[in-house]
Amino acid sequence: MKERQDAWTEENDLLLAETVLRHVREGSTQLNAFDEVGDVLNRTSAACGFRWNAVVRHNYEKALQLAKKQRKQRQRALGQHQPVKKKLLYTPPVPTIESLEAPVEFSTIETPSAVTPKVTAPVTNEMVTIEHVISYLESMKNRTGSVSGLQKENERLKMENRELKDVNKELEAKVAKLEQQSQNIQEDYETLMKIMNRARKLVLFEEEERPSTKFKMDRNGNLEKVAE
């Protein structure tokens, strides 16, 4: 009776994936592959099927599709155009009558004459399902460390995000201050240009209003200013 409850290893997952892909590629069934892996790893076929569908298959979707495609190509090459019954690549060992019988254990209570039979019930589908769940949960324990690391990384990124937001606010305040200063400088420049233009007009006006000086030449050839 198979009662494996230890966690699945990477080697077990790899064996399961390779066996399933080989059975699919060569025209067998996944259930037949689960039987083969179960006998190799001393696990139930249901446990192997649960592990494949819950964990392993997600990492081999492309490989599974390729295996199905190769199976169709192989059938076409053999001239099997119509769907045929899938062949079985592995035949599980037939259980004997002794292995199906419920083992009986006897325990002695207080005196040797008081003997009480202790019967171990055969494995049922419900018990197998619980075993699969426990095995799967135990395999998830190995991922607890990675989840904790991701949580710490998430907290660190949140803290960095808050710091970057604070820096961004400071930069926005500095930019707004510089823009205000630039606007003030522009206004001062425009005011200065207006004053300079006004002064230039006044100078030109004074030059136009100023009377021109007249000169005359005397007998000796010298210029002298003529009184207005």
Protein backbone atom coordinates (compact mmCIF):
# COMPACT_ATOMS: atom_id res chain seq x y z
CA MET A 1 0.00 0.00 0.00
CA LYS A 2 1.46 3.35 -1.10
CA GLU A 3 1.44 6.01 1.66
CA ARG A 4 4.12 8.49 0.57
CA GLN A 5 3.64 11.89 2.26
CA ASP A 6 7.03 13.54 1.72
CA ALA A 7 7.36 16.64 -0.46
CA TRP A 8 7.97 16.45 -4.18
CA THR A 9 11.49 17.23 -5.32
CA GLU A 10 12.62 18.84 -8.57
CA GLU A 11 13.82 15.42 -9.77
CA ASN A 12 10.36 13.96 -9.09
CA ASP A 13 8.68 16.77 -11.03
CA LEU A 14 11.10 16.31 -13.92
CA LEU A 15 10.47 12.55 -14.03
CA LEU A 16 6.71 13.18 -13.99
CA ALA A 17 6.93 15.74 -16.82
CA GLU A 18 9.19 13.59 -19.02
CA THR A 19 6.99 10.51 -18.54
CA VAL A 20 3.74 12.33 -19.31
CA LEU A 21 5.21 13.98 -22.42
CA ARG A 22 6.57 10.65 -23.65
CA HIS A 23 3.22 8.91 -23.22
CA VAL A 24 1.35 11.73 -24.98
CA ARG A 25 3.89 11.88 -27.82
CA GLU A 26 3.74 8.12 -28.43
CA GLY A 27 -0.07 7.89 -28.33
CA SER A 28 -0.60 6.70 -24.76
CA THR A 29 -2.69 8.34 -22.01
CA GLN A 30 -1.71 10.61 -19.16
CA LEU A 31 -3.35 8.20 -16.71
CA ASN A 32 -1.02 5.48 -17.93
CA ALA A 33 1.90 7.86 -17.33
CA PHE A 34 0.66 8.56 -13.80
CA ASP A 35 0.61 4.81 -13.12
CA GLU A 36 4.21 4.44 -14.29
CA VAL A 37 5.50 7.37 -12.25
CA GLY A 38 3.52 6.23 -9.22
CA ASP A 39 5.19 2.82 -9.27
CA VAL A 40 8.65 4.39 -9.67
CA LEU A 41 8.20 6.93 -6.86
CA ASN A 42 6.04 4.68 -4.65
CA ARG A 43 3.14 7.12 -4.92
CA THR A 44 -0.47 6.65 -5.97
CA SER A 45 -1.54 7.38 -9.52
CA ALA A 46 -4.00 9.95 -8.17
CA ALA A 47 -1.19 11.72 -6.31
CA CYS A 48 0.84 11.95 -9.51
CA GLY A 49 -2.18 13.25 -11.42
CA PHE A 50 -2.85 15.88 -8.77
CA ARG A 51 0.78 17.01 -8.81
CA TRP A 52 0.78 17.23 -12.62
CA ASN A 53 -2.41 19.27 -12.90
CA ALA A 54 -1.76 21.50 -9.87
CA VAL A 55 1.93 22.34 -10.28
CA VAL A 56 4.00 20.71 -13.01
CA ARG A 57 1.76 21.16 -16.03
CA HIS A 58 1.92 24.99 -15.84
CA ASN A 59 5.64 24.84 -16.62
CA TYR A 60 5.26 22.45 -19.57
CA GLU A 61 2.25 23.79 -21.50
CA LYS A 62 4.26 24.47 -24.67
CA ALA A 63 6.00 21.09 -24.44
CA LEU A 64 2.63 19.35 -23.97
CA GLN A 65 1.18 21.07 -27.05
CA LEU A 66 4.28 20.06 -29.03
CA ALA A 67 3.92 16.44 -27.86
CA LYS A 68 0.28 16.39 -29.01
CA LYS A 69 1.33 17.84 -32.37
CA GLN A 70 4.04 15.18 -32.76
CA ARG A 71 1.47 12.49 -31.94
CA LYS A 72 -0.80 13.72 -34.75
CA GLN A 73 2.12 13.86 -37.19
CA ARG A 74 3.08 10.33 -36.21
CA GLN A 75 -0.46 9.08 -36.77
CA ARG A 76 -0.59 10.73 -40.20
CA ALA A 77 2.76 9.17 -41.09
CA LEU A 78 1.37 5.73 -40.19
CA GLY A 79 -1.74 6.37 -42.28
CA GLN A 80 -4.04 6.64 -39.28
CA HIS A 81 -6.24 9.49 -40.46
CA GLN A 82 -9.09 8.62 -38.12
CA PRO A 83 -8.78 8.85 -34.31
CA VAL A 84 -7.66 5.53 -32.90
CA LYS A 85 -7.77 4.08 -29.44
CA LYS A 86 -4.77 5.20 -27.43
CA LYS A 87 -2.29 2.47 -26.69
CA LEU A 88 -0.84 1.83 -23.24
CA LEU A 89 2.92 2.07 -22.91
CA TYR A 90 2.93 0.82 -19.33
CA THR A 91 1.03 -1.95 -17.58
CA PRO A 92 0.76 -1.52 -13.79
CA PRO A 93 1.40 -4.66 -11.73
CA VAL A 94 -1.78 -6.54 -10.83
CA PRO A 95 -2.36 -6.46 -7.06
CA THR A 96 -2.66 -9.83 -5.36
CA ILE A 97 -5.45 -10.90 -3.08
CA GLU A 98 -3.08 -10.71 -0.08
CA SER A 99 -2.28 -7.06 -0.79
CA LEU A 100 -5.98 -6.17 -0.97
CA GLU A 101 -6.88 -7.80 2.31
CA ALA A 102 -6.97 -5.56 5.36
CA PRO A 103 -3.99 -6.37 7.57
CA VAL A 104 -4.78 -7.27 11.15
CA GLU A 105 -2.58 -6.22 14.03
CA PHE A 106 -2.91 -7.51 17.59
CA SER A 107 -1.99 -5.49 20.65
CA THR A 108 -1.76 -6.81 24.17
CA ILE A 109 -3.62 -4.86 26.87
CA GLU A 110 -2.58 -5.32 30.55
CA THR A 111 -2.49 -9.13 30.48
CA PRO A 112 -1.31 -11.54 27.81
CA SER A 113 -4.74 -13.17 27.78
CA ALA A 114 -6.51 -9.92 26.83
CA VAL A 115 -5.91 -9.65 23.13
CA THR A 116 -7.74 -7.02 21.06
CA PRO A 117 -7.66 -7.17 17.25
CA LYS A 118 -6.69 -3.92 15.54
CA VAL A 119 -7.86 -3.71 11.94
CA THR A 120 -6.33 -1.27 9.48
CA ALA A 121 -8.95 -0.09 6.97
CA PRO A 122 -8.08 -0.12 3.28
CA VAL A 123 -7.26 3.15 1.59
CA THR A 124 -10.35 4.91 0.21
CA ASN A 125 -10.67 7.68 -2.36
CA GLU A 126 -11.36 10.22 0.39
CA MET A 127 -8.19 9.26 2.26
CA VAL A 128 -6.15 9.46 -0.94
CA THR A 129 -7.47 12.96 -1.64
CA ILE A 130 -6.51 14.15 1.84
CA GLU A 131 -3.06 12.64 1.36
CA HIS A 132 -2.65 14.54 -1.89
CA VAL A 133 -3.67 17.81 -0.27
CA ILE A 134 -1.24 17.29 2.61
CA SER A 135 1.57 16.48 0.18
CA TYR A 136 0.80 19.56 -1.87
CA LEU A 137 0.68 21.80 1.21
CA GLU A 138 4.01 20.42 2.40
CA SER A 139 5.53 21.23 -0.97
CA MET A 140 4.23 24.78 -0.60
CA LYS A 141 6.26 25.20 2.61
CA ASN A 142 9.39 25.46 0.51
CA ARG A 143 7.93 28.52 -1.16
CA THR A 144 7.31 30.37 2.12
CA GLY A 145 10.83 31.82 2.09
CA SER A 146 10.43 33.20 -1.41
CA VAL A 147 7.06 34.74 -0.51
CA SER A 148 8.59 36.39 2.55
CA GLY A 149 11.40 37.78 0.38
CA LEU A 150 8.88 39.16 -2.08
CA GLN A 151 6.99 40.85 0.74
CA LYS A 152 10.17 42.52 2.00
CA GLU A 153 11.05 43.62 -1.54
CA ASN A 154 7.54 45.04 -1.91
CA GLU A 155 7.89 47.04 1.31
CA ARG A 156 11.28 48.37 0.18
CA LEU A 157 9.86 49.47 -3.16
CA LYS A 158 6.95 51.19 -1.44
CA MET A 159 9.38 53.12 0.77
CA GLU A 160 11.47 54.15 -2.24
CA ASN A 161 8.30 55.25 -4.00
CA ARG A 162 7.36 57.48 -1.07
CA GLU A 163 10.85 59.00 -1.00
CA LEU A 164 10.73 59.67 -4.73
CA LYS A 165 7.35 61.38 -4.34
CA ASP A 166 8.81 63.67 -1.63
CA VAL A 167 11.78 64.53 -3.85
CA ASN A 168 9.41 65.20 -6.74
CA LYS A 169 7.39 67.63 -4.61
CA GLU A 170 10.56 69.51 -3.62
CA LEU A 171 11.66 69.76 -7.27
CA GLU A 172 8.22 71.01 -8.29
CA ALA A 173 8.40 73.72 -5.60
CA LYS A 174 11.87 74.78 -6.84
CA VAL A 175 10.67 74.89 -10.45
CA ALA A 176 7.68 77.04 -9.47
CA LYS A 177 10.01 79.42 -7.59
CA LEU A 178 12.37 79.70 -10.57
CA GLU A 179 9.45 80.38 -12.88
CA GLN A 180 8.26 83.18 -10.59
CA GLN A 181 11.76 84.67 -10.47
CA SER A 182 12.01 84.48 -14.26
CA GLN A 183 8.69 86.27 -14.61
CA ASN A 184 9.84 89.03 -12.22
CA ILE A 185 13.08 89.45 -14.19
CA GLN A 186 11.11 89.71 -17.42
CA GLU A 187 8.87 92.38 -15.95
CA ASP A 188 11.86 94.35 -14.64
CA TYR A 189 13.52 94.11 -18.04
CA GLU A 190 10.42 95.41 -19.81
CA THR A 191 10.18 98.31 -17.34
CA LEU A 192 13.86 99.18 -17.86
CA MET A 193 13.42 99.13 -21.64
CA LYS A 194 10.47 101.52 -21.35
CA ILE A 195 12.56 103.94 -19.24
CA MET A 196 15.45 103.78 -21.71
CA ASN A 197 13.15 104.40 -24.67
CA ARG A 198 11.60 107.38 -22.89
CA ALA A 199 15.04 108.83 -22.11
CA ARG A 200 16.16 108.36 -25.70
CA LYS A 201 13.10 110.25 -26.95
CA LEU A 202 13.79 113.11 -24.55
CA VAL A 203 17.39 113.42 -25.75
CA LEU A 204 16.31 113.53 -29.38
CA PHE A 205 13.65 116.11 -28.61
CA GLU A 206 16.18 118.38 -26.85
CA GLU A 207 18.56 118.16 -29.78
CA GLU A 208 15.81 119.17 -32.17
CA GLU A 209 14.79 122.13 -30.03
CA ARG A 210 18.36 123.44 -29.57
CA PRO A 211 19.12 126.31 -32.13
CA SER A 212 21.97 125.81 -34.52
CA THR A 213 25.16 127.97 -34.00
CA LYS A 214 26.13 130.36 -36.80
CA PHE A 215 29.74 131.34 -37.71
CA LYS A 216 31.25 133.97 -40.01
CA MET A 217 34.71 134.58 -41.37
CA ASP A 218 36.61 137.82 -40.67
CA ARG A 219 39.15 139.50 -42.85
CA ASN A 220 41.96 137.39 -41.55
CA GLY A 221 40.14 134.16 -42.45
CA ASN A 222 39.18 133.27 -38.89
CA LEU A 223 35.73 131.93 -37.95
CA GLU A 224 33.87 133.76 -35.27
CA LYS A 225 30.52 132.94 -33.69
CA VAL A 226 27.68 135.21 -34.71
CA ALA A 227 25.53 136.37 -31.86
CA GLU A 228 21.91 135.29 -32.11
